[in-house]
Protein backbone atom coordinates (compact mmCIF):
# COMPACT_ATOMS: atom_id res chain seq x y z
CA SER A 1 18.12 50.02 75.30
CA LEU A 2 19.66 48.72 78.50
CA ARG A 3 21.95 51.71 78.99
CA ASP A 4 20.58 52.79 82.37
CA GLU A 5 20.17 49.31 83.81
CA ALA A 6 22.47 46.86 85.53
CA GLN A 7 23.55 44.09 83.20
CA GLU A 8 24.52 40.51 83.96
CA GLY A 9 25.58 37.58 81.78
CA PRO A 10 27.11 37.60 78.28
CA VAL A 11 28.36 40.89 76.84
CA ARG A 12 29.92 41.79 73.49
CA VAL A 13 31.87 45.04 73.31
CA SER A 14 32.95 46.33 69.90
CA VAL A 15 35.76 48.87 69.90
CA ALA A 16 35.92 50.88 66.68
CA GLY A 17 39.21 51.00 64.79
CA GLY A 18 41.26 54.12 64.20
CA HIS A 19 42.76 54.34 67.69
CA ASN A 20 46.39 53.72 68.52
CA ALA A 21 47.48 50.39 69.97
CA SER A 22 48.40 51.87 73.35
CA GLN A 23 44.84 53.19 73.82
CA ALA A 24 43.41 49.76 73.00
CA LEU A 25 45.76 48.05 75.44
CA ARG A 26 44.92 50.60 78.12
CA PHE A 27 41.18 49.96 77.61
CA ILE A 28 41.61 46.18 77.82
CA ASN A 29 43.83 46.54 80.90
CA GLU A 30 41.26 48.75 82.65
CA LEU A 31 38.49 46.28 81.79
CA SER A 32 40.51 43.46 83.33
CA ASN A 33 40.61 45.42 86.60
CA PHE A 34 36.81 45.17 86.98
CA PRO A 35 36.38 42.32 89.51
CA LYS A 36 33.00 41.18 88.16
CA VAL A 37 34.10 40.95 84.50
CA ARG A 38 35.58 37.78 83.02
CA LEU A 39 37.12 38.14 79.54
CA GLN A 40 36.30 35.10 77.41
CA ARG A 41 37.43 36.03 73.90
CA MET A 42 39.19 38.87 72.10
CA LEU A 43 39.46 39.34 68.33
CA GLY A 44 41.10 42.11 66.33
CA ASP A 45 41.23 43.03 62.67
CA HIS A 46 43.68 44.81 60.37
CA ARG A 47 41.93 48.18 60.88
CA GLY A 48 42.41 48.07 64.65
CA ALA A 49 38.83 47.19 65.54
CA ILE A 50 38.48 44.87 68.53
CA GLU A 51 35.67 42.53 69.56
CA LEU A 52 35.62 41.58 73.25
CA TRP A 53 33.32 38.87 74.57
CA PHE A 54 33.01 38.55 78.31
CA TRP A 55 30.73 37.49 81.13
CA LEU A 56 29.43 39.73 83.91
CA ARG A 57 29.36 37.67 87.11
CA GLU A 58 26.74 39.85 88.76
CA PRO A 59 24.61 42.84 87.77
CA ILE A 60 26.57 46.05 87.14
CA ASP A 61 25.86 49.14 85.07
CA LEU A 62 28.56 48.38 82.53
CA SER A 63 27.72 51.31 80.24
CA ALA A 64 28.29 53.76 83.10
CA LYS A 65 31.51 52.02 84.17
CA LEU A 66 32.91 52.10 80.63
CA SER A 67 31.86 55.73 80.11
CA ALA A 68 33.76 56.68 83.27
CA LEU A 69 37.08 55.34 81.94
CA ASP A 70 39.51 58.10 80.90
CA CYS A 71 40.31 56.39 77.60
CA VAL A 72 36.64 56.08 76.47
CA ALA A 73 35.05 58.79 74.33
CA GLN A 74 31.61 57.21 73.82
CA VAL A 75 29.57 54.11 74.73
CA GLU A 76 26.57 53.17 72.62
CA ASP A 77 24.16 50.40 73.63
CA LEU A 78 23.18 48.28 70.63
CA SER A 79 21.05 45.84 72.66
CA THR A 80 17.46 45.42 71.56
CA ASP A 81 14.63 45.85 74.08
CA GLY A 82 12.32 42.88 74.17
CA SER A 83 14.79 40.63 72.40
CA ASP A 84 14.98 36.99 73.45
CA GLU A 85 18.74 37.23 73.01
CA PRO A 86 20.36 37.70 76.45
CA LEU A 87 23.52 39.15 74.94
CA VAL A 88 24.26 42.79 75.80
CA ARG A 89 25.95 44.57 72.87
CA LEU A 90 27.93 47.76 73.43
CA ASN A 91 29.87 49.86 70.93
CA VAL A 92 32.84 51.80 72.34
CA ARG A 93 34.85 54.61 70.77
CA LEU A 94 38.19 55.39 72.37
CA LYS A 95 39.65 58.87 72.75
CA PRO A 96 42.46 59.70 70.34
């Protein structure tokens, strides 16, 4: 996993459903305050799950930054070591 390393380039963050809308908006708002993160796409479904696709402009430890947010309960790195795919995949669970 890439959890303890600085990441750069394309990132997909999946936010599990079951949270309230205000928590999701707070999370997205806090993400938009990171100066090195550029949101490219956001999708939601009827269960409240959200897929965020964005680009990291320079290396940062995104897992640590997300874990430090007050609204985040857990960050799980789903990236595969040794994969040719440059995409970083993170799963986020928000606090209730």
